[in-house]
């Protein structure tokens, strides 16, 4: 019988104090003043005793703690630096208006830059995919047959979806992911090493 490993990807709570700024991998806090209803509903949708694997950035770790406080008991809890947001290098800390002026208008419809462009001192979205995918493969093998709750960021969740669907990096940037949304990706073992993915939901919003 083929075993299924279920990934429950959650984007962290909103970052309001830095709204309008490019923060990327800056370790900024999330805001929980208006999230109690959404977090309670999200916690109620999760399975019993899942494995937690969260980005090590504060906004993801604190969101995981808020979900636990709403009634979810982790089977085990670990952090994963590979699930961090994209590093925007010298663009981090800029306002979107200052960035638009720097670039002579915003160059991309849904992200700060095309998928293969590296900011000075940073990484491209294609680079994000390249670091997220090996971690997903490793963590799936390590927790085969279990439910994994991964609290992460828009960039890293898009990367996981791109891998599961076999999407190109540029196409994956068209995906919209709200704060505290749920994306469910199930890995099903097959007779070869890769297995197959089943997409249950993307960007399911609660509250």
N, C-alpha and C. Protein backbone atom coordinates (compact mmCIF):
# COMPACT_ATOMS: atom_id res chain seq x y z
N UNK A 1 0.85 -1.20 0.00
CA UNK A 1 0.00 0.00 0.00
C UNK A 1 0.88 1.25 0.00
N UNK A 2 0.59 2.18 -0.89
CA UNK A 2 1.36 3.42 -0.97
C UNK A 2 1.07 4.32 0.23
N UNK A 3 2.11 4.89 0.79
CA UNK A 3 1.93 5.77 1.94
C UNK A 3 1.80 7.23 1.49
N UNK A 4 0.98 7.98 2.24
CA UNK A 4 0.76 9.39 1.93
C UNK A 4 1.36 10.26 3.04
N UNK A 5 2.03 11.29 2.63
CA UNK A 5 2.56 12.29 3.56
C UNK A 5 1.88 13.60 3.22
N UNK A 6 1.16 14.15 4.17
CA UNK A 6 0.31 15.31 3.91
C UNK A 6 0.98 16.59 4.44
N UNK A 7 1.22 17.53 3.54
CA UNK A 7 1.81 18.83 3.88
C UNK A 7 0.70 19.87 4.02
N UNK A 8 0.63 20.48 5.19
CA UNK A 8 -0.32 21.56 5.46
C UNK A 8 0.49 22.86 5.54
N UNK A 9 0.61 23.56 4.43
CA UNK A 9 1.40 24.79 4.38
C UNK A 9 0.55 25.97 4.82
N UNK A 10 1.08 26.79 5.75
CA UNK A 10 0.36 27.95 6.27
C UNK A 10 1.26 29.18 6.12
N UNK A 11 0.72 30.22 5.52
CA UNK A 11 1.47 31.47 5.48
C UNK A 11 1.29 32.20 6.82
N UNK A 12 2.34 32.81 7.30
CA UNK A 12 2.34 33.47 8.60
C UNK A 12 1.28 34.57 8.69
N UNK A 13 1.04 35.05 9.91
CA UNK A 13 0.09 36.14 10.16
C UNK A 13 0.60 37.44 9.53
N UNK A 14 -0.29 38.43 9.37
CA UNK A 14 0.10 39.66 8.69
C UNK A 14 1.22 40.42 9.40
N UNK A 15 2.01 41.11 8.61
CA UNK A 15 3.07 42.00 9.13
C UNK A 15 2.60 43.43 8.87
N UNK A 16 2.00 44.05 9.89
CA UNK A 16 1.40 45.37 9.69
C UNK A 16 2.36 46.51 9.97
N UNK A 17 3.28 46.33 10.93
CA UNK A 17 4.19 47.41 11.29
C UNK A 17 5.18 47.74 10.18
N UNK A 18 5.32 46.81 9.23
CA UNK A 18 6.25 47.02 8.10
C UNK A 18 5.49 47.02 6.77
N UNK A 19 4.19 47.31 6.83
CA UNK A 19 3.40 47.35 5.61
C UNK A 19 3.97 48.39 4.65
N UNK A 20 4.04 48.02 3.40
CA UNK A 20 4.58 48.93 2.40
C UNK A 20 6.09 48.88 2.26
N UNK A 21 6.75 48.05 3.09
CA UNK A 21 8.19 47.90 3.02
C UNK A 21 8.56 46.53 2.48
N UNK A 22 9.70 46.43 1.85
CA UNK A 22 10.22 45.14 1.40
C UNK A 22 11.04 44.56 2.55
N UNK A 23 10.54 43.50 3.19
CA UNK A 23 11.27 42.98 4.35
C UNK A 23 11.93 41.63 4.11
N UNK A 24 11.43 40.83 3.17
CA UNK A 24 12.13 39.60 2.80
C UNK A 24 12.54 38.76 3.99
N UNK A 25 13.84 38.61 4.19
CA UNK A 25 14.34 37.81 5.31
C UNK A 25 14.65 38.64 6.55
N UNK A 26 14.29 39.92 6.56
CA UNK A 26 14.39 40.67 7.81
C UNK A 26 13.46 40.03 8.84
N UNK A 27 13.92 39.95 10.09
CA UNK A 27 13.17 39.19 11.10
C UNK A 27 12.14 40.07 11.79
N UNK A 28 11.10 40.44 11.04
CA UNK A 28 10.08 41.36 11.54
C UNK A 28 8.94 40.57 12.19
N UNK A 29 8.25 41.18 13.17
CA UNK A 29 7.15 40.47 13.85
C UNK A 29 5.85 40.56 13.07
N UNK A 30 4.99 39.59 13.28
CA UNK A 30 3.64 39.64 12.75
C UNK A 30 2.73 40.35 13.75
N UNK A 31 1.53 40.67 13.31
CA UNK A 31 0.53 41.34 14.15
C UNK A 31 -0.66 40.40 14.34
N UNK A 32 -1.06 40.20 15.60
CA UNK A 32 -2.12 39.23 15.90
C UNK A 32 -3.38 39.89 16.46
N UNK A 33 -3.51 41.21 16.32
CA UNK A 33 -4.62 41.91 16.96
C UNK A 33 -5.98 41.55 16.35
N UNK A 34 -6.00 41.15 15.10
CA UNK A 34 -7.29 40.84 14.45
C UNK A 34 -7.28 39.44 13.82
N UNK A 35 -6.55 38.53 14.43
CA UNK A 35 -6.38 37.21 13.82
C UNK A 35 -6.99 36.06 14.61
N UNK A 36 -7.58 36.34 15.77
CA UNK A 36 -8.01 35.24 16.65
C UNK A 36 -9.03 34.32 15.99
N UNK A 37 -9.98 34.89 15.26
CA UNK A 37 -11.01 34.08 14.61
C UNK A 37 -10.39 33.19 13.52
N UNK A 38 -9.52 33.79 12.71
CA UNK A 38 -8.89 33.03 11.63
C UNK A 38 -7.98 31.93 12.18
N UNK A 39 -7.22 32.24 13.23
CA UNK A 39 -6.32 31.24 13.80
C UNK A 39 -7.09 30.11 14.44
N UNK A 40 -8.19 30.41 15.13
CA UNK A 40 -9.01 29.36 15.74
C UNK A 40 -9.60 28.45 14.67
N UNK A 41 -10.10 29.04 13.57
CA UNK A 41 -10.68 28.23 12.49
C UNK A 41 -9.60 27.40 11.80
N UNK A 42 -8.44 27.99 11.61
CA UNK A 42 -7.33 27.27 11.00
C UNK A 42 -6.89 26.11 11.87
N UNK A 43 -6.76 26.35 13.18
CA UNK A 43 -6.37 25.28 14.10
C UNK A 43 -7.39 24.14 14.07
N UNK A 44 -8.67 24.50 13.97
CA UNK A 44 -9.71 23.48 13.92
C UNK A 44 -9.70 22.64 12.66
N UNK A 45 -9.08 23.15 11.60
CA UNK A 45 -9.01 22.41 10.33
C UNK A 45 -7.82 21.48 10.25
N UNK A 46 -6.89 21.62 11.19
CA UNK A 46 -5.67 20.81 11.14
C UNK A 46 -5.88 19.44 11.78
N UNK A 47 -5.10 18.45 11.40
CA UNK A 47 -5.23 17.10 11.97
C UNK A 47 -4.68 17.05 13.39
N UNK A 48 -4.96 15.95 14.07
CA UNK A 48 -4.44 15.78 15.43
C UNK A 48 -2.96 15.41 15.40
N UNK A 49 -2.22 16.00 16.31
CA UNK A 49 -0.80 15.67 16.54
C UNK A 49 0.04 15.67 15.27
N UNK A 50 0.02 16.77 14.50
CA UNK A 50 0.88 16.83 13.32
C UNK A 50 2.32 17.17 13.71
N UNK A 51 3.22 16.95 12.78
CA UNK A 51 4.60 17.41 12.92
C UNK A 51 4.65 18.88 12.50
N UNK A 52 5.30 19.72 13.29
CA UNK A 52 5.48 21.12 12.91
C UNK A 52 6.89 21.32 12.37
N UNK A 53 6.96 21.91 11.17
CA UNK A 53 8.24 22.35 10.62
C UNK A 53 8.03 23.79 10.16
N UNK A 54 8.59 24.74 10.91
CA UNK A 54 8.35 26.15 10.65
C UNK A 54 9.63 26.84 10.20
N UNK A 55 9.48 27.84 9.37
CA UNK A 55 10.58 28.75 9.08
C UNK A 55 11.12 29.29 10.39
N UNK A 56 12.41 29.56 10.43
CA UNK A 56 13.00 30.07 11.66
C UNK A 56 12.89 31.58 11.80
N UNK A 57 12.23 32.25 10.86
CA UNK A 57 11.97 33.67 11.04
C UNK A 57 10.84 33.88 12.04
N UNK A 58 10.93 34.96 12.79
CA UNK A 58 10.05 35.21 13.94
C UNK A 58 8.57 35.16 13.58
N UNK A 59 8.19 35.76 12.46
CA UNK A 59 6.78 35.83 12.12
C UNK A 59 6.17 34.45 11.86
N UNK A 60 6.98 33.51 11.38
CA UNK A 60 6.48 32.15 11.18
C UNK A 60 6.47 31.37 12.48
N UNK A 61 7.56 31.47 13.26
CA UNK A 61 7.61 30.75 14.53
C UNK A 61 6.52 31.21 15.49
N UNK A 62 6.26 32.52 15.53
CA UNK A 62 5.22 33.04 16.42
C UNK A 62 3.83 32.66 15.94
N UNK A 63 3.63 32.59 14.63
CA UNK A 63 2.35 32.12 14.10
C UNK A 63 2.11 30.67 14.49
N UNK A 64 3.15 29.84 14.42
CA UNK A 64 3.03 28.44 14.86
C UNK A 64 2.67 28.37 16.34
N UNK A 65 3.26 29.25 17.15
CA UNK A 65 2.93 29.27 18.58
C UNK A 65 1.49 29.68 18.81
N UNK A 66 0.99 30.63 18.02
CA UNK A 66 -0.41 31.05 18.14
C UNK A 66 -1.37 29.93 17.76
N UNK A 67 -1.00 29.15 16.74
CA UNK A 67 -1.83 28.00 16.34
C UNK A 67 -1.84 26.95 17.44
N UNK A 68 -0.69 26.72 18.06
CA UNK A 68 -0.62 25.77 19.17
C UNK A 68 -1.48 26.23 20.33
N UNK A 69 -1.45 27.54 20.62
CA UNK A 69 -2.26 28.08 21.71
C UNK A 69 -3.75 27.94 21.44
N UNK A 70 -4.12 27.83 20.15
CA UNK A 70 -5.52 27.65 19.78
C UNK A 70 -5.96 26.19 19.86
N UNK A 71 -5.05 25.30 20.28
CA UNK A 71 -5.46 23.94 20.55
C UNK A 71 -4.80 22.83 19.76
N UNK A 72 -3.74 23.14 19.02
CA UNK A 72 -3.05 22.10 18.24
C UNK A 72 -1.83 21.62 19.01
N UNK A 73 -1.73 20.32 19.24
CA UNK A 73 -0.57 19.73 19.91
C UNK A 73 0.34 19.10 18.86
N UNK A 74 1.57 19.58 18.81
CA UNK A 74 2.51 19.05 17.82
C UNK A 74 3.07 17.70 18.27
N UNK A 75 3.16 16.77 17.34
CA UNK A 75 3.85 15.51 17.60
C UNK A 75 5.32 15.78 17.90
N UNK A 76 5.91 16.67 17.11
CA UNK A 76 7.24 17.21 17.36
C UNK A 76 7.32 18.54 16.65
N UNK A 77 8.26 19.36 17.05
CA UNK A 77 8.36 20.72 16.52
C UNK A 77 9.80 21.01 16.14
N UNK A 78 10.00 21.43 14.88
CA UNK A 78 11.34 21.75 14.40
C UNK A 78 11.29 23.01 13.53
N UNK A 79 12.43 23.67 13.41
CA UNK A 79 12.53 24.83 12.51
C UNK A 79 13.33 24.44 11.28
N UNK A 80 13.12 25.19 10.22
CA UNK A 80 13.77 24.89 8.94
C UNK A 80 14.14 26.20 8.26
N UNK A 81 15.43 26.51 8.24
CA UNK A 81 15.90 27.75 7.63
C UNK A 81 15.64 27.78 6.12
N UNK A 82 15.56 26.61 5.49
CA UNK A 82 15.32 26.55 4.05
C UNK A 82 13.94 27.05 3.67
N UNK A 83 13.04 27.16 4.65
CA UNK A 83 11.68 27.63 4.37
C UNK A 83 11.52 29.14 4.56
N UNK A 84 12.64 29.86 4.71
CA UNK A 84 12.57 31.32 4.84
C UNK A 84 12.03 31.96 3.56
N UNK A 85 11.60 33.22 3.72
CA UNK A 85 11.19 34.02 2.56
C UNK A 85 12.40 34.30 1.67
N UNK A 86 12.14 34.75 0.47
CA UNK A 86 13.20 35.15 -0.45
C UNK A 86 14.04 36.27 0.17
N UNK A 87 15.35 36.20 -0.03
CA UNK A 87 16.24 37.26 0.43
C UNK A 87 16.35 38.31 -0.68
N UNK A 88 15.89 39.52 -0.38
CA UNK A 88 15.87 40.57 -1.40
C UNK A 88 17.11 41.46 -1.36
N UNK A 89 18.13 41.05 -0.63
CA UNK A 89 19.40 41.74 -0.66
C UNK A 89 19.29 43.22 -0.34
N UNK A 90 19.84 44.06 -1.22
CA UNK A 90 19.87 45.51 -1.00
C UNK A 90 18.49 46.15 -1.10
N UNK A 91 17.51 45.41 -1.60
CA UNK A 91 16.15 45.96 -1.66
C UNK A 91 15.44 45.91 -0.31
N UNK A 92 15.90 45.08 0.59
CA UNK A 92 15.24 44.94 1.88
C UNK A 92 15.31 46.25 2.66
N UNK A 93 14.17 46.64 3.22
CA UNK A 93 14.08 47.89 3.95
C UNK A 93 13.55 49.04 3.12
N UNK A 94 13.55 48.91 1.78
CA UNK A 94 13.00 49.94 0.92
C UNK A 94 11.48 49.91 0.95
N UNK A 95 10.86 51.06 0.79
CA UNK A 95 9.41 51.09 0.58
C UNK A 95 9.13 50.68 -0.86
N UNK A 96 7.93 50.21 -1.12
CA UNK A 96 7.59 49.82 -2.49
C UNK A 96 7.62 51.03 -3.42
N UNK A 97 7.28 52.21 -2.90
CA UNK A 97 7.33 53.42 -3.74
C UNK A 97 8.78 53.78 -4.08
N UNK A 98 9.68 53.67 -3.09
CA UNK A 98 11.09 53.94 -3.36
C UNK A 98 11.66 52.92 -4.33
N UNK A 99 11.22 51.67 -4.19
CA UNK A 99 11.69 50.63 -5.09
C UNK A 99 11.20 50.89 -6.52
N UNK A 100 9.94 51.33 -6.64
CA UNK A 100 9.40 51.64 -7.97
C UNK A 100 10.17 52.78 -8.61
N UNK A 101 10.56 53.76 -7.81
CA UNK A 101 11.34 54.88 -8.33
C UNK A 101 12.73 54.41 -8.76
N UNK A 102 13.32 53.53 -7.93
CA UNK A 102 14.63 52.98 -8.25
C UNK A 102 14.61 52.21 -9.55
N UNK A 103 13.54 51.48 -9.77
CA UNK A 103 13.44 50.63 -10.96
C UNK A 103 12.72 51.30 -12.12
N UNK A 104 12.35 52.58 -11.95
CA UNK A 104 11.58 53.27 -12.99
C UNK A 104 10.28 52.52 -13.27
N UNK A 105 9.52 52.31 -12.22
CA UNK A 105 8.24 51.59 -12.19
C UNK A 105 8.47 50.15 -11.77
N UNK A 106 7.42 49.56 -11.18
CA UNK A 106 7.52 48.18 -10.74
C UNK A 106 7.59 47.27 -11.96
N UNK A 107 8.56 46.36 -12.02
CA UNK A 107 8.82 45.62 -13.25
C UNK A 107 8.02 44.34 -13.40
N UNK A 108 7.28 43.95 -12.38
CA UNK A 108 6.65 42.63 -12.44
C UNK A 108 5.23 42.70 -11.90
N UNK A 109 4.34 41.93 -12.48
CA UNK A 109 2.92 42.03 -12.15
C UNK A 109 2.58 41.56 -10.74
N UNK A 110 3.28 40.54 -10.23
CA UNK A 110 2.86 39.95 -8.97
C UNK A 110 3.96 39.78 -7.95
N UNK A 111 5.17 40.16 -8.28
CA UNK A 111 6.32 39.99 -7.39
C UNK A 111 7.24 41.17 -7.62
N UNK A 112 8.30 41.27 -6.91
CA UNK A 112 9.18 42.44 -7.06
C UNK A 112 10.02 42.39 -8.32
N UNK A 113 10.27 41.19 -8.81
CA UNK A 113 11.14 41.05 -9.97
C UNK A 113 10.84 39.74 -10.67
N UNK A 114 11.22 39.59 -11.92
CA UNK A 114 11.07 38.31 -12.61
C UNK A 114 11.76 37.18 -11.85
N UNK A 115 11.31 35.97 -12.09
CA UNK A 115 11.71 34.82 -11.28
C UNK A 115 13.20 34.54 -11.28
N UNK A 116 13.89 34.92 -12.33
CA UNK A 116 15.32 34.57 -12.43
C UNK A 116 16.23 35.77 -12.17
N UNK A 117 15.66 36.88 -11.73
CA UNK A 117 16.49 38.05 -11.42
C UNK A 117 16.91 38.04 -9.95
N UNK A 118 18.20 38.17 -9.71
CA UNK A 118 18.73 38.25 -8.34
C UNK A 118 18.89 39.71 -7.94
N UNK A 119 18.28 40.13 -6.82
CA UNK A 119 18.57 41.46 -6.30
C UNK A 119 20.04 41.54 -5.89
N UNK A 120 20.65 42.71 -5.89
CA UNK A 120 22.04 42.82 -5.44
C UNK A 120 22.19 42.29 -4.01
N UNK A 121 23.05 41.30 -3.84
CA UNK A 121 23.26 40.71 -2.52
C UNK A 121 22.18 39.77 -2.06
N UNK A 122 21.25 39.42 -2.95
CA UNK A 122 20.13 38.57 -2.55
C UNK A 122 19.99 37.34 -3.43
N UNK A 123 18.77 36.84 -3.52
CA UNK A 123 18.51 35.64 -4.31
C UNK A 123 17.26 35.83 -5.16
N UNK A 124 17.19 35.12 -6.26
CA UNK A 124 16.02 35.15 -7.13
C UNK A 124 14.96 34.19 -6.59
N UNK A 125 13.75 34.29 -7.14
CA UNK A 125 12.72 33.33 -6.76
C UNK A 125 13.12 31.93 -7.21
N UNK A 126 13.80 31.81 -8.35
CA UNK A 126 14.30 30.50 -8.78
C UNK A 126 15.27 29.93 -7.75
N UNK A 127 16.06 30.79 -7.12
CA UNK A 127 16.95 30.34 -6.04
C UNK A 127 16.15 29.82 -4.85
N UNK A 128 15.02 30.47 -4.57
CA UNK A 128 14.16 30.01 -3.46
C UNK A 128 13.67 28.59 -3.75
N UNK A 129 13.22 28.35 -4.96
CA UNK A 129 12.79 27.00 -5.33
C UNK A 129 13.93 26.01 -5.13
N UNK A 130 15.12 26.40 -5.52
CA UNK A 130 16.29 25.51 -5.44
C UNK A 130 16.64 25.16 -3.99
N UNK A 131 16.33 26.02 -3.02
CA UNK A 131 16.63 25.66 -1.63
C UNK A 131 15.44 25.01 -0.93
N UNK A 132 14.21 25.36 -1.35
CA UNK A 132 13.03 24.77 -0.70
C UNK A 132 12.84 23.32 -1.10
N UNK A 133 13.01 23.00 -2.37
CA UNK A 133 12.69 21.65 -2.86
C UNK A 133 13.52 20.56 -2.17
N UNK A 134 14.85 20.69 -2.03
CA UNK A 134 15.58 19.64 -1.32
C UNK A 134 15.11 19.44 0.12
N UNK A 135 14.71 20.54 0.78
CA UNK A 135 14.21 20.43 2.15
C UNK A 135 12.87 19.70 2.18
N UNK A 136 12.00 19.97 1.20
CA UNK A 136 10.72 19.26 1.12
C UNK A 136 10.97 17.77 0.90
N UNK A 137 11.87 17.43 0.00
CA UNK A 137 12.17 16.02 -0.28
C UNK A 137 12.72 15.34 0.98
N UNK A 138 13.65 16.01 1.65
CA UNK A 138 14.26 15.43 2.86
C UNK A 138 13.23 15.27 3.97
N UNK A 139 12.44 16.31 4.21
CA UNK A 139 11.47 16.26 5.30
C UNK A 139 10.33 15.27 5.01
N UNK A 140 9.98 15.10 3.76
CA UNK A 140 8.98 14.10 3.40
C UNK A 140 9.49 12.70 3.72
N UNK A 141 10.72 12.42 3.34
CA UNK A 141 11.31 11.10 3.62
C UNK A 141 11.46 10.88 5.13
N UNK A 142 11.78 11.93 5.84
CA UNK A 142 11.99 11.84 7.28
C UNK A 142 10.69 11.61 8.05
N UNK A 143 9.57 12.09 7.49
CA UNK A 143 8.27 12.02 8.18
C UNK A 143 7.23 11.31 7.33
N UNK A 144 7.65 10.32 6.59
CA UNK A 144 6.76 9.65 5.65
C UNK A 144 5.53 9.09 6.36
N UNK A 145 4.38 9.30 5.72
CA UNK A 145 3.13 8.79 6.27
C UNK A 145 2.50 9.68 7.32
N UNK A 146 3.08 10.85 7.59
CA UNK A 146 2.58 11.72 8.65
C UNK A 146 1.98 13.00 8.08
N UNK A 147 1.34 13.76 8.96
CA UNK A 147 0.86 15.10 8.63
C UNK A 147 1.92 16.10 9.06
N UNK A 148 2.32 16.96 8.13
CA UNK A 148 3.34 17.98 8.40
C UNK A 148 2.70 19.36 8.25
N UNK A 149 2.72 20.14 9.31
CA UNK A 149 2.29 21.53 9.23
C UNK A 149 3.54 22.38 9.04
N UNK A 150 3.61 23.07 7.92
CA UNK A 150 4.76 23.93 7.60
C UNK A 150 4.31 25.37 7.62
N UNK A 151 4.74 26.13 8.61
CA UNK A 151 4.41 27.55 8.69
C UNK A 151 5.54 28.32 8.04
N UNK A 152 5.22 29.03 6.98
CA UNK A 152 6.28 29.61 6.16
C UNK A 152 5.82 30.93 5.55
N UNK A 153 6.24 31.20 4.33
CA UNK A 153 6.09 32.51 3.69
C UNK A 153 5.56 32.34 2.27
N UNK A 154 5.08 33.43 1.70
CA UNK A 154 4.53 33.35 0.36
C UNK A 154 5.53 32.76 -0.63
N UNK A 155 6.78 33.21 -0.56
CA UNK A 155 7.78 32.72 -1.51
C UNK A 155 8.07 31.25 -1.37
N UNK A 156 8.25 30.79 -0.13
CA UNK A 156 8.59 29.38 0.06
C UNK A 156 7.40 28.46 -0.22
N UNK A 157 6.18 28.94 0.06
CA UNK A 157 5.00 28.12 -0.25
C UNK A 157 4.79 28.05 -1.77
N UNK A 158 4.98 29.16 -2.45
CA UNK A 158 4.93 29.12 -3.93
C UNK A 158 5.96 28.13 -4.48
N UNK A 159 7.13 28.11 -3.88
CA UNK A 159 8.17 27.18 -4.34
C UNK A 159 7.73 25.73 -4.17
N UNK A 160 7.09 25.42 -3.04
CA UNK A 160 6.61 24.05 -2.82
C UNK A 160 5.51 23.69 -3.82
N UNK A 161 4.63 24.63 -4.10
CA UNK A 161 3.57 24.38 -5.08
C UNK A 161 4.17 24.16 -6.47
N UNK A 162 5.14 24.99 -6.82
CA UNK A 162 5.79 24.85 -8.12
C UNK A 162 6.39 23.45 -8.28
N UNK A 163 7.02 22.98 -7.22
CA UNK A 163 7.60 21.63 -7.26
C UNK A 163 6.52 20.56 -7.41
N UNK A 164 5.47 20.67 -6.61
CA UNK A 164 4.41 19.65 -6.64
C UNK A 164 3.70 19.61 -7.99
N UNK A 165 3.51 20.77 -8.60
CA UNK A 165 2.78 20.84 -9.87
C UNK A 165 3.69 20.79 -11.09
N UNK A 166 5.00 20.82 -10.89
CA UNK A 166 5.91 20.87 -12.02
C UNK A 166 5.81 22.17 -12.78
N UNK A 167 5.53 23.27 -12.07
CA UNK A 167 5.39 24.59 -12.69
C UNK A 167 6.74 25.25 -12.88
N UNK A 168 6.85 26.07 -13.90
CA UNK A 168 8.02 26.90 -14.04
C UNK A 168 8.03 27.99 -12.99
N UNK A 169 9.21 28.52 -12.71
CA UNK A 169 9.35 29.53 -11.66
C UNK A 169 8.52 30.77 -11.95
N UNK A 170 8.54 31.24 -13.18
CA UNK A 170 7.79 32.46 -13.51
C UNK A 170 6.29 32.24 -13.37
N UNK A 171 5.79 31.09 -13.79
CA UNK A 171 4.36 30.81 -13.67
C UNK A 171 3.92 30.75 -12.21
N UNK A 172 4.78 30.25 -11.34
CA UNK A 172 4.42 30.13 -9.93
C UNK A 172 4.24 31.48 -9.25
N UNK A 173 4.85 32.52 -9.79
CA UNK A 173 4.69 33.85 -9.20
C UNK A 173 3.29 34.41 -9.38
N UNK A 174 2.49 33.79 -10.22
CA UNK A 174 1.10 34.23 -10.41
C UNK A 174 0.19 33.76 -9.29
N UNK A 175 0.67 32.87 -8.43
CA UNK A 175 -0.16 32.34 -7.34
C UNK A 175 -0.32 33.36 -6.23
N UNK A 176 -1.56 33.57 -5.80
CA UNK A 176 -1.85 34.49 -4.69
C UNK A 176 -1.99 33.69 -3.40
N UNK A 177 -1.29 34.12 -2.36
CA UNK A 177 -1.31 33.43 -1.07
C UNK A 177 -1.53 34.45 0.04
N UNK A 178 -2.68 34.36 0.70
CA UNK A 178 -3.02 35.30 1.76
C UNK A 178 -2.38 34.89 3.08
N UNK A 179 -2.23 35.86 3.97
CA UNK A 179 -1.76 35.55 5.32
C UNK A 179 -2.76 34.61 6.00
N UNK A 180 -2.23 33.64 6.73
CA UNK A 180 -3.00 32.63 7.46
C UNK A 180 -3.84 31.75 6.53
N UNK A 181 -3.44 31.67 5.27
CA UNK A 181 -4.12 30.75 4.35
C UNK A 181 -3.48 29.37 4.43
N UNK A 182 -4.25 28.38 4.02
CA UNK A 182 -3.80 26.98 4.03
C UNK A 182 -3.65 26.47 2.61
N UNK A 183 -2.52 25.83 2.36
CA UNK A 183 -2.27 25.13 1.10
C UNK A 183 -1.93 23.68 1.45
N UNK A 184 -2.66 22.75 0.88
CA UNK A 184 -2.47 21.33 1.22
C UNK A 184 -1.92 20.57 0.03
N UNK A 185 -0.75 19.97 0.21
CA UNK A 185 -0.07 19.20 -0.83
C UNK A 185 0.24 17.82 -0.26
N UNK A 186 -0.31 16.78 -0.85
CA UNK A 186 -0.10 15.42 -0.36
C UNK A 186 0.88 14.67 -1.26
N UNK A 187 1.91 14.09 -0.65
CA UNK A 187 2.86 13.28 -1.40
C UNK A 187 2.48 11.81 -1.25
N UNK A 188 2.34 11.12 -2.38
CA UNK A 188 1.93 9.72 -2.40
C UNK A 188 3.07 8.89 -2.97
N UNK A 189 3.52 7.91 -2.20
CA UNK A 189 4.59 7.05 -2.67
C UNK A 189 4.16 6.24 -3.89
N UNK A 190 5.11 6.03 -4.78
CA UNK A 190 4.89 5.13 -5.91
C UNK A 190 6.04 4.15 -5.95
N UNK A 191 6.13 3.38 -6.99
CA UNK A 191 7.19 2.38 -7.08
C UNK A 191 8.55 2.97 -7.43
N UNK A 192 8.57 4.24 -7.86
CA UNK A 192 9.86 4.89 -8.10
C UNK A 192 10.17 5.83 -6.93
N UNK A 193 11.27 6.52 -7.03
CA UNK A 193 11.72 7.35 -5.91
C UNK A 193 10.97 8.66 -5.78
N UNK A 194 10.42 9.18 -6.88
CA UNK A 194 9.85 10.52 -6.85
C UNK A 194 8.47 10.58 -6.22
N UNK A 195 7.65 9.55 -6.44
CA UNK A 195 6.27 9.61 -5.98
C UNK A 195 5.46 10.60 -6.80
N UNK A 196 4.22 10.83 -6.38
CA UNK A 196 3.34 11.80 -7.06
C UNK A 196 2.73 12.72 -6.02
N UNK A 197 2.27 13.88 -6.48
CA UNK A 197 1.66 14.85 -5.59
C UNK A 197 0.18 15.01 -5.91
N UNK A 198 -0.62 15.16 -4.86
CA UNK A 198 -2.05 15.46 -5.00
C UNK A 198 -2.28 16.85 -4.39
N UNK A 199 -2.91 17.73 -5.13
CA UNK A 199 -3.17 19.09 -4.67
C UNK A 199 -4.59 19.14 -4.10
N UNK A 200 -4.69 19.31 -2.80
CA UNK A 200 -6.00 19.34 -2.13
C UNK A 200 -6.58 20.74 -2.13
N UNK A 201 -5.78 21.74 -1.80
CA UNK A 201 -6.26 23.12 -1.85
C UNK A 201 -5.06 24.07 -1.90
N UNK A 202 -5.29 25.25 -2.43
CA UNK A 202 -4.28 26.31 -2.45
C UNK A 202 -4.96 27.60 -1.98
N UNK A 203 -4.35 28.25 -1.01
CA UNK A 203 -4.84 29.55 -0.52
C UNK A 203 -6.25 29.47 0.05
N UNK A 204 -6.52 28.45 0.84
CA UNK A 204 -7.81 28.39 1.55
C UNK A 204 -7.75 29.35 2.73
N UNK A 205 -8.72 30.27 2.78
CA UNK A 205 -8.72 31.33 3.77
C UNK A 205 -9.78 31.06 4.83
N UNK A 206 -9.46 31.35 6.10
CA UNK A 206 -10.35 31.10 7.22
C UNK A 206 -10.74 32.42 7.89
N UNK A 207 -11.87 32.37 8.60
CA UNK A 207 -12.26 33.50 9.42
C UNK A 207 -12.99 34.60 8.66
